[in-house]
Protein backbone atom coordinates (compact mmCIF):
# COMPACT_ATOMS: atom_id res chain seq x y z
CA MET A 1 -92.26 1.04 -76.78
CA PRO A 2 -90.13 3.63 -78.59
CA SER A 3 -91.66 7.06 -79.11
CA LEU A 4 -93.60 7.52 -82.32
CA PRO A 5 -92.38 9.94 -84.99
CA LYS A 6 -93.77 13.48 -85.03
CA ILE A 7 -95.33 14.52 -88.33
CA CYS A 8 -96.08 17.80 -90.08
CA ILE A 9 -99.27 17.80 -92.17
CA ILE A 10 -99.40 20.49 -94.85
CA GLY A 11 -103.01 21.46 -95.55
CA ALA A 12 -106.39 20.94 -93.86
CA GLY A 13 -108.52 20.31 -96.89
CA SER A 14 -110.46 17.08 -97.36
CA SER A 15 -107.27 15.00 -97.55
CA GLY A 16 -105.37 16.80 -94.80
CA ILE A 17 -108.16 16.38 -92.25
CA ALA A 18 -108.44 12.70 -93.15
CA GLY A 19 -104.75 12.33 -92.34
CA ALA A 20 -105.04 14.37 -89.17
CA LYS A 21 -107.99 12.30 -87.94
CA VAL A 22 -106.16 8.99 -88.47
CA LEU A 23 -102.93 10.17 -86.81
CA HIS A 24 -104.97 11.58 -83.93
CA GLU A 25 -106.77 8.30 -83.27
CA ARG A 26 -103.59 6.23 -83.68
CA GLY A 27 -101.68 8.34 -81.16
CA ILE A 28 -99.11 9.67 -83.63
CA PRO A 29 -98.05 13.22 -82.68
CA PHE A 30 -98.50 15.82 -85.42
CA ASP A 31 -99.03 19.46 -86.27
CA CYS A 32 -101.26 20.47 -89.16
CA PHE A 33 -100.83 23.84 -90.87
CA GLU A 34 -103.55 25.49 -92.96
CA THR A 35 -103.31 28.80 -94.82
CA SER A 36 -107.03 29.48 -94.44
CA ASP A 37 -109.02 30.26 -91.29
CA ARG A 38 -111.10 27.09 -91.65
CA VAL A 39 -110.91 23.50 -92.88
CA GLY A 40 -112.33 22.23 -96.17
CA GLY A 41 -109.90 23.56 -98.76
CA ASN A 42 -111.40 23.60 -102.23
CA TRP A 43 -114.93 23.19 -100.88
CA VAL A 44 -114.95 26.48 -98.99
CA PHE A 45 -116.63 29.13 -101.12
CA GLY A 46 -114.76 32.41 -100.87
CA ASN A 47 -111.92 30.74 -99.02
CA PRO A 48 -109.71 33.51 -97.60
CA ASN A 49 -106.57 31.77 -98.84
CA GLY A 50 -107.65 32.34 -102.45
CA MET A 51 -107.02 28.72 -103.41
CA SER A 52 -110.61 27.48 -103.61
CA ALA A 53 -112.27 27.01 -106.98
CA ALA A 54 -115.78 26.78 -105.51
CA TYR A 55 -118.57 28.83 -107.13
CA THR A 56 -122.07 29.70 -105.94
CA THR A 57 -123.82 26.98 -107.95
CA LEU A 58 -121.32 24.17 -107.27
CA HIS A 59 -122.64 20.74 -106.32
CA ILE A 60 -120.65 17.54 -106.07
CA ASN A 61 -120.65 15.28 -109.13
CA THR A 62 -119.98 12.11 -107.18
CA SER A 63 -122.79 10.92 -104.98
CA ARG A 64 -122.96 11.55 -101.26
CA GLU A 65 -122.45 7.88 -100.34
CA ARG A 66 -119.33 7.60 -102.52
CA MET A 67 -117.78 10.78 -101.14
CA GLU A 68 -118.24 10.42 -97.39
CA TYR A 69 -115.59 9.09 -95.01
CA SER A 70 -116.11 5.47 -93.96
CA ASP A 71 -116.76 6.13 -90.27
CA TYR A 72 -118.63 9.43 -90.53
CA PRO A 73 -121.59 9.29 -92.95
CA MET A 74 -123.05 12.48 -94.34
CA PRO A 75 -126.48 13.40 -92.93
CA LYS A 76 -129.31 11.48 -94.56
CA SER A 77 -131.04 14.82 -95.02
CA TYR A 78 -128.42 15.73 -97.63
CA PRO A 79 -129.45 15.19 -101.26
CA ASP A 80 -127.65 12.65 -103.42
CA PHE A 81 -125.48 15.45 -104.82
CA PRO A 82 -125.05 18.07 -102.06
CA HIS A 83 -124.25 21.77 -102.48
CA HIS A 84 -120.74 22.98 -101.66
CA ALA A 85 -121.95 24.66 -98.46
CA GLN A 86 -123.23 21.31 -97.19
CA ILE A 87 -119.91 19.63 -98.00
CA ALA A 88 -117.95 22.37 -96.22
CA ALA A 89 -120.21 21.98 -93.16
CA TYR A 90 -119.66 18.22 -93.24
CA PHE A 91 -115.88 18.67 -93.12
CA ASP A 92 -116.22 21.08 -90.20
CA ASP A 93 -118.43 18.62 -88.33
CA TYR A 94 -115.97 15.80 -89.06
CA VAL A 95 -113.11 17.67 -87.40
CA ASP A 96 -115.16 18.56 -84.33
CA HIS A 97 -116.68 15.08 -84.02
CA PHE A 98 -113.27 13.42 -83.81
CA GLY A 99 -111.80 16.22 -81.70
CA PHE A 100 -108.55 17.27 -83.38
CA ARG A 101 -109.23 20.92 -84.28
CA ASP A 102 -106.68 22.07 -81.69
CA ALA A 103 -103.94 20.29 -83.66
CA ILE A 104 -104.55 22.53 -86.69
CA THR A 105 -102.77 25.89 -86.87
CA PHE A 106 -104.90 28.15 -89.06
CA GLN A 107 -103.88 31.14 -91.16
CA THR A 108 -100.37 29.73 -91.30
CA GLY A 109 -98.71 28.51 -94.47
CA ILE A 110 -95.52 26.55 -94.97
CA GLU A 111 -92.86 28.69 -96.55
CA HIS A 112 -90.23 25.96 -96.81
CA ALA A 113 -89.78 22.32 -95.88
CA GLY A 114 -86.43 20.61 -96.25
CA LEU A 115 -84.77 17.36 -95.22
CA ASP A 116 -81.62 17.83 -93.17
CA ASP A 117 -78.51 15.67 -93.06
CA ASP A 118 -79.61 14.14 -89.76
CA GLY A 119 -82.75 12.75 -91.41
CA LEU A 120 -85.11 15.24 -89.76
CA TRP A 121 -87.19 17.90 -91.46
CA THR A 122 -86.91 21.62 -90.86
CA VAL A 123 -90.21 23.33 -91.59
CA ARG A 124 -90.49 27.13 -91.71
CA THR A 125 -93.89 28.80 -91.58
CA ASP A 126 -94.85 32.12 -93.13
CA THR A 127 -95.15 33.51 -89.60
CA GLY A 128 -91.40 33.10 -89.18
CA GLU A 129 -91.45 30.06 -86.91
CA THR A 130 -89.25 27.01 -87.46
CA HIS A 131 -90.17 23.47 -86.41
CA ARG A 132 -88.47 20.07 -86.62
CA TYR A 133 -90.27 16.88 -87.59
CA ASP A 134 -89.56 13.23 -88.32
CA GLY A 135 -91.78 13.25 -91.38
CA VAL A 136 -94.01 15.37 -93.61
CA ILE A 137 -97.44 14.58 -95.03
CA VAL A 138 -98.23 16.63 -98.12
CA ALA A 139 -101.93 17.40 -98.55
CA ASN A 140 -101.87 20.77 -100.29
CA GLY A 141 -104.22 19.69 -103.10
CA HIS A 142 -103.86 19.83 -106.85
CA HIS A 143 -106.74 22.07 -107.94
CA TRP A 144 -105.47 25.48 -106.91
CA ASP A 145 -102.66 26.48 -109.32
CA PRO A 146 -104.39 27.25 -112.67
CA ARG A 147 -102.93 25.99 -115.92
CA TRP A 148 -103.69 28.32 -118.83
CA PRO A 149 -103.58 27.28 -122.49
CA GLU A 150 -100.01 26.52 -123.56
CA PRO A 151 -99.10 28.31 -125.73
CA ALA A 152 -101.57 31.17 -125.43
CA PHE A 153 -103.94 31.55 -128.36
CA PRO A 154 -102.91 34.12 -130.96
CA GLY A 155 -104.64 37.41 -130.25
CA SER A 156 -105.24 36.70 -126.58
CA ASP A 157 -103.05 39.65 -125.60
CA THR A 158 -105.22 42.09 -127.60
CA PHE A 159 -108.64 40.48 -127.08
CA GLU A 160 -111.26 43.14 -126.28
CA GLY A 161 -113.34 40.96 -123.96
CA VAL A 162 -112.67 39.35 -120.61
CA GLN A 163 -110.56 36.19 -120.24
CA ILE A 164 -110.63 34.16 -117.04
CA HIS A 165 -109.56 30.75 -115.86
CA ALA A 166 -112.28 28.56 -114.34
CA HIS A 167 -110.50 28.95 -111.01
CA GLU A 168 -111.52 32.62 -110.92
CA TYR A 169 -115.21 31.94 -111.56
CA THR A 170 -117.54 32.52 -108.61
CA ASP A 171 -120.99 33.57 -109.85
CA PRO A 172 -123.11 33.39 -113.04
CA GLU A 173 -123.65 37.16 -112.94
CA ILE A 174 -120.38 37.58 -114.83
CA PHE A 175 -122.21 36.03 -117.80
CA ARG A 176 -125.44 38.01 -117.64
CA ASP A 177 -126.46 39.28 -121.10
CA LYS A 178 -123.01 38.40 -122.43
CA SER A 179 -121.79 36.19 -125.25
CA VAL A 180 -119.70 33.50 -123.56
CA VAL A 181 -117.17 30.99 -124.91
CA VAL A 182 -116.21 28.18 -122.53
CA LEU A 183 -113.17 26.11 -123.52
CA GLY A 184 -112.99 22.58 -122.18
CA MET A 185 -114.95 19.34 -121.88
CA GLY A 186 -114.37 18.52 -118.22
CA ASN A 187 -116.72 18.86 -115.28
CA SER A 188 -115.98 22.53 -114.66
CA ALA A 189 -116.49 23.43 -118.32
CA MET A 190 -119.88 21.70 -118.40
CA ASP A 191 -120.98 23.37 -115.16
CA LEU A 192 -119.93 26.84 -116.27
CA ALA A 193 -121.46 26.47 -119.73
CA VAL A 194 -124.75 25.42 -118.13
CA ASP A 195 -124.62 28.42 -115.75
CA ALA A 196 -123.94 30.77 -118.65
CA SER A 197 -126.79 29.30 -120.70
CA TYR A 198 -129.36 30.50 -118.15
CA VAL A 199 -128.26 34.15 -117.94
CA GLY A 200 -126.08 34.84 -120.99
CA LYS A 201 -127.01 36.14 -124.42
CA ALA A 202 -125.26 33.24 -126.13
CA THR A 203 -123.12 30.35 -124.87
CA TYR A 204 -120.59 28.36 -126.88
CA LEU A 205 -118.79 25.25 -125.63
CA ALA A 206 -115.45 24.82 -127.40
CA ALA A 207 -113.76 21.43 -127.24
CA ARG A 208 -110.11 20.56 -127.68
CA ARG A 209 -111.09 16.87 -127.83
CA GLY A 210 -114.24 14.85 -127.38
CA ALA A 211 -115.34 13.46 -124.02
CA HIS A 212 -117.79 10.84 -122.83
CA ILE A 213 -120.71 12.31 -120.90
CA VAL A 214 -121.90 10.30 -117.90
CA PRO A 215 -125.32 11.27 -116.51
CA LYS A 216 -125.72 11.71 -112.76
CA TYR A 217 -128.52 9.13 -112.65
CA ILE A 218 -128.91 5.78 -114.35
CA PHE A 219 -131.78 3.42 -113.56
CA GLY A 220 -132.97 5.91 -110.94
CA LYS A 221 -129.75 5.73 -108.89
CA PRO A 222 -126.56 7.80 -108.90
CA SER A 223 -124.48 6.48 -111.78
CA ASP A 224 -121.37 6.05 -109.61
CA GLN A 225 -123.26 3.48 -107.55
CA LEU A 226 -123.55 1.01 -110.44
CA PRO A 227 -121.90 -2.33 -109.61
CA ASN A 228 -118.15 -2.16 -110.21
CA ASP A 229 -116.49 -5.20 -108.64
CA PRO A 230 -112.69 -4.94 -109.11
CA ARG A 231 -112.51 -8.75 -109.17
CA VAL A 232 -114.32 -8.69 -112.53
CA PRO A 233 -111.91 -8.11 -115.44
CA TRP A 234 -111.81 -4.46 -116.45
CA ALA A 235 -112.61 -5.22 -120.11
CA ILE A 236 -115.93 -6.78 -119.09
CA ARG A 237 -116.83 -3.98 -116.69
CA ARG A 238 -116.04 -1.31 -119.25
CA ARG A 239 -118.08 -2.97 -121.97
CA MET A 240 -121.08 -3.17 -119.64
CA LEU A 241 -120.72 0.52 -118.74
CA GLU A 242 -120.42 1.52 -122.38
CA VAL A 243 -123.66 -0.26 -123.24
CA ILE A 244 -125.51 1.20 -120.26
CA ILE A 245 -124.40 4.78 -120.95
CA ARG A 246 -125.12 4.45 -124.67
CA MET A 247 -128.64 3.34 -123.79
CA ALA A 248 -129.06 6.17 -121.29
CA VAL A 249 -127.79 9.18 -123.28
CA GLY A 250 -126.67 8.04 -126.73
CA LYS A 251 -123.44 9.25 -128.30
CA PRO A 252 -121.85 12.70 -127.74
CA GLU A 253 -121.87 13.32 -131.48
CA ASP A 254 -125.68 12.93 -131.46
CA TYR A 255 -125.72 16.31 -129.69
CA GLY A 256 -123.20 18.01 -131.96
CA LEU A 257 -120.27 17.39 -129.65
CA PRO A 258 -117.03 15.99 -131.07
CA LYS A 259 -116.69 12.22 -131.18
CA PRO A 260 -114.30 11.06 -128.44
CA ASP A 261 -111.03 9.65 -129.79
CA HIS A 262 -110.88 7.17 -126.91
CA ARG A 263 -113.06 4.60 -125.18
CA LEU A 264 -115.01 5.26 -122.02
CA ALA A 265 -112.69 5.63 -118.97
CA ASP A 266 -109.58 6.08 -121.13
CA ALA A 267 -109.84 9.71 -120.07
CA HIS A 268 -111.42 11.26 -117.04
CA PRO A 269 -115.16 11.16 -117.85
CA THR A 270 -117.39 14.19 -117.53
CA VAL A 271 -120.34 13.82 -115.17
CA SER A 272 -123.26 16.13 -115.91
CA GLY A 273 -126.99 15.81 -115.60
CA ARG A 274 -127.75 19.06 -117.48
CA ILE A 275 -125.32 19.70 -120.32
CA LEU A 276 -127.03 17.52 -122.91
CA ASP A 277 -130.43 18.99 -122.05
CA ARG A 278 -129.16 22.55 -122.53
CA ILE A 279 -127.52 21.64 -125.85
CA ALA A 280 -130.70 19.91 -127.00
CA HIS A 281 -132.69 23.07 -126.21
CA GLY A 282 -130.28 25.25 -128.19
CA THR A 283 -129.05 27.30 -125.26
CA ILE A 284 -125.49 25.96 -125.64
CA THR A 285 -123.82 25.66 -129.04
CA PRO A 286 -120.95 23.17 -129.40
CA LYS A 287 -117.85 24.42 -131.21
CA PRO A 288 -114.44 22.94 -132.07
CA ASN A 289 -111.23 24.19 -130.49
CA ILE A 290 -110.31 27.87 -130.45
CA ASP A 291 -107.91 28.86 -133.21
CA ARG A 292 -107.35 32.52 -132.30
CA LEU A 293 -108.90 35.63 -130.81
CA GLU A 294 -109.47 38.68 -133.02
CA GLY A 295 -110.64 41.92 -131.50
CA GLY A 296 -113.91 41.05 -129.83
CA GLU A 297 -114.35 37.72 -131.61
CA VAL A 298 -113.28 34.12 -131.13
CA VAL A 299 -112.30 32.21 -134.27
CA PHE A 300 -112.56 28.41 -134.16
CA THR A 301 -110.54 25.79 -135.99
CA ASP A 302 -113.35 25.18 -138.48
CA GLY A 303 -113.18 28.84 -139.58
CA SER A 304 -116.39 29.90 -137.86
CA ARG A 305 -116.32 32.92 -135.59
CA VAL A 306 -118.53 34.43 -132.89
CA GLU A 307 -118.65 37.62 -130.92
CA ALA A 308 -117.47 37.03 -127.37
CA ASP A 309 -117.61 39.16 -124.26
CA VAL A 310 -116.18 36.50 -121.96
CA VAL A 311 -113.84 33.56 -122.62
CA VAL A 312 -113.45 31.00 -119.85
CA TYR A 313 -110.51 28.60 -119.96
CA CYS A 314 -111.33 25.32 -118.20
CA THR A 315 -107.86 23.99 -118.89
CA GLY A 316 -106.96 22.33 -115.62
CA TYR A 317 -104.31 22.84 -112.98
CA LYS A 318 -100.61 22.43 -112.32
CA ILE A 319 -99.35 20.13 -109.57
CA THR A 320 -96.99 22.27 -107.52
CA PHE A 321 -95.35 22.21 -104.10
CA PRO A 322 -94.22 25.79 -103.40
CA PHE A 323 -92.69 24.79 -100.04
CA PHE A 324 -90.20 22.34 -101.60
CA ASP A 325 -87.10 23.31 -103.53
CA GLU A 326 -87.84 22.45 -107.15
CA ASP A 327 -84.75 20.24 -107.47
CA PHE A 328 -85.82 18.37 -104.33
CA ILE A 329 -89.43 17.39 -105.03
CA SER A 330 -91.47 18.66 -107.97
CA ALA A 331 -93.89 17.43 -110.62
CA PRO A 332 -92.71 18.59 -114.06
CA ASP A 333 -95.58 18.26 -116.54
CA ASN A 334 -97.73 17.21 -113.56
CA ASP A 335 -95.81 13.95 -113.21
CA LEU A 336 -94.46 12.79 -109.84
CA PRO A 337 -93.78 9.03 -109.69
CA LEU A 338 -94.87 7.56 -106.34
CA PHE A 339 -95.52 4.10 -104.94
CA ARG A 340 -99.28 3.70 -105.06
CA ARG A 341 -99.56 7.51 -105.19
CA VAL A 342 -98.33 7.90 -101.58
CA PHE A 343 -94.69 6.88 -100.91
CA HIS A 344 -91.70 8.60 -102.52
CA PRO A 345 -89.21 5.98 -103.77
CA ASP A 346 -86.15 7.91 -102.54
CA ILE A 347 -87.40 9.75 -99.45
CA SER A 348 -88.93 7.46 -96.87
CA SER A 349 -90.25 10.21 -94.57
CA VAL A 350 -92.48 12.16 -96.98
CA PHE A 351 -96.01 11.01 -97.81
CA PHE A 352 -98.64 12.32 -100.20
CA LEU A 353 -102.39 12.27 -99.53
CA GLY A 354 -105.02 12.86 -102.19
CA LEU A 355 -102.49 13.34 -104.99
CA LEU A 356 -104.54 11.25 -107.39
CA GLN A 357 -107.44 11.68 -109.76
CA PRO A 358 -109.95 8.88 -109.27
CA LEU A 359 -112.95 7.87 -111.31
CA GLY A 360 -114.89 8.79 -108.18
CA ALA A 361 -114.27 10.91 -105.07
CA VAL A 362 -110.88 11.56 -103.47
CA MET A 363 -112.01 11.58 -99.82
CA PRO A 364 -112.39 7.83 -99.14
CA LEU A 365 -109.10 7.20 -100.93
CA ALA A 366 -107.28 9.83 -98.86
CA GLU A 367 -108.73 8.20 -95.75
CA ALA A 368 -107.41 4.78 -96.82
CA GLN A 369 -104.03 6.31 -97.67
CA SER A 370 -103.91 7.91 -94.21
CA GLN A 371 -104.53 4.58 -92.52
CA TRP A 372 -101.74 3.09 -94.63
CA VAL A 373 -99.28 5.83 -93.67
CA ALA A 374 -100.23 5.50 -89.99
CA ALA A 375 -99.58 1.76 -90.11
CA TYR A 376 -96.15 2.48 -91.60
CA LEU A 377 -95.33 5.10 -88.96
CA ARG A 378 -96.32 2.71 -86.16
CA GLY A 379 -94.20 -0.11 -87.57
CA GLU A 380 -97.22 -2.22 -88.53
CA TYR A 381 -96.42 -2.14 -92.23
CA ALA A 382 -93.14 -2.47 -94.15
CA LEU A 383 -92.56 -1.27 -97.69
CA PRO A 384 -91.42 -3.75 -100.34
CA PRO A 385 -87.69 -3.93 -101.09
CA ALA A 386 -86.53 -0.98 -103.18
CA ALA A 387 -86.23 -2.96 -106.41
CA ALA A 388 -89.69 -4.48 -106.01
CA MET A 389 -91.21 -1.10 -105.20
CA ARG A 390 -89.72 0.51 -108.30
CA ALA A 391 -90.84 -2.41 -110.46
CA ASP A 392 -94.37 -1.99 -109.09
CA MET A 393 -94.27 1.74 -109.85
CA GLU A 394 -93.07 1.17 -113.40
CA ALA A 395 -95.76 -1.43 -114.04
CA GLU A 396 -98.46 0.87 -112.67
CA ARG A 397 -97.23 3.83 -114.72
CA ALA A 398 -96.93 1.76 -117.88
CA SER A 399 -100.50 0.55 -117.45
CA MET A 400 -101.79 4.07 -116.77
CA PHE A 401 -100.01 5.69 -119.70
CA LYS A 402 -101.11 2.88 -122.02
CA ARG A 403 -104.74 3.24 -121.05
CA TYR A 404 -105.28 6.96 -120.63
CA VAL A 405 -105.17 9.73 -123.20
CA ALA A 406 -101.73 11.35 -123.11
CA SER A 407 -102.17 14.72 -121.39
CA LYS A 408 -101.15 16.59 -118.26
CA ARG A 409 -104.62 15.77 -116.92
CA HIS A 410 -103.98 12.05 -116.81
CA THR A 411 -100.73 11.62 -114.88
CA ILE A 412 -102.31 10.67 -111.54
CA GLN A 413 -105.38 8.69 -112.62
CA VAL A 414 -106.71 5.73 -110.62
CA ASP A 415 -109.92 3.72 -110.59
CA PHE A 416 -111.75 4.21 -107.29
CA ASP A 417 -112.72 0.61 -106.46
CA ASP A 418 -109.62 -0.95 -108.00
CA TYR A 419 -107.33 1.36 -106.05
CA LEU A 420 -108.94 0.50 -102.72
CA HIS A 421 -108.87 -3.22 -103.56
CA GLU A 422 -105.17 -3.20 -104.48
CA LEU A 423 -104.26 -1.01 -101.51
CA ALA A 424 -105.89 -3.48 -99.11
CA LYS A 425 -103.86 -6.30 -100.62
CA GLU A 426 -100.64 -4.30 -100.36
CA ARG A 427 -101.31 -3.40 -96.73
CA ALA A 428 -101.82 -7.07 -95.92
CA ALA A 429 -98.58 -7.98 -97.70
CA GLY A 430 -96.71 -5.20 -95.89
CA ALA A 431 -98.05 -6.38 -92.54
CA GLU A 432 -96.55 -9.80 -93.19
CA ARG A 433 -93.24 -8.26 -94.22
């Protein structure tokens, strides 16, 4: 049997360790490089590499059973929605259980990765070492490079208060006895507004557009565990979910929030079990979008204004690959076309793990992607012909852009169950090829 290709894995977060585990068990040689001194990426509070967005109060918003890897369940002692420290410990245990920690080089980043004329990759680390590989797996994450409002709000350069991106937030103490404006309607915005509402003098939640709020529990079970069979037409499934959520929490506008300009799941939904309660108790005041900042005040698009000591921008992240030359591989406007979010159409030896935004958790999807890549590397799967692959990509992108709200947040969206279902079918087809 010919020797298997040697792979470089960039990153040891939740996707990178999934890839490392699969390659390890399938006998595919690899090196994994991680800038931090531990695994876990975004789930490591106070991560020395500065890339983590974890904060002291962070809990997962997808349930434990929907986040865990398929062959390594989280401890039953964990709650339905564990704390970030429990998740970080789970990732550590996962690595040690499957025995591949020695394959990870910690405190070492990738300075540059390039494809040479001979078809091999030259990878240079920030420690000055150079390595050669047959392929590269990219698992550097997409929640570490903050995207600020574009363009900046008028007056932001002379604002007398503090302005931070959600990525910088670590502890509610920054809000204590302060007037706080949180901009955004995503999961981070809801979490931070709730935190501020317990310790701040006043909390305002400013929205650029409306969002559907999904509670953490419905019918006494985590809401992401409701039946969602991908064999049932999406239109039927969505209508059922809309009715259930309307019965559970009503409409966002019932709480003073803006009415969403889209149907449920046409944008990434916001999962929160506390935001509506805090609004209903008057500790969070909904506001429209920010218009400008004046001195120590924030002026909103409806003309109202409030004093503000802290403004928090929960405006998302940029998808970037600092180790690639920009004209080689990049994601302008957060858009990088890939076959099923993994295979590059022009470069057959680079693979992406976890570069997707599911209606659910990334971890099981990254695990399935890793198994797919391993099958390809071992010659057990063949890609479709180039024309068929590009046609599939165009169809998938057309469907995504038609369904989802047009924004830089919705360029890598997938549905959790549907993605796994379609990936299994593609793997079977590729095995036959």
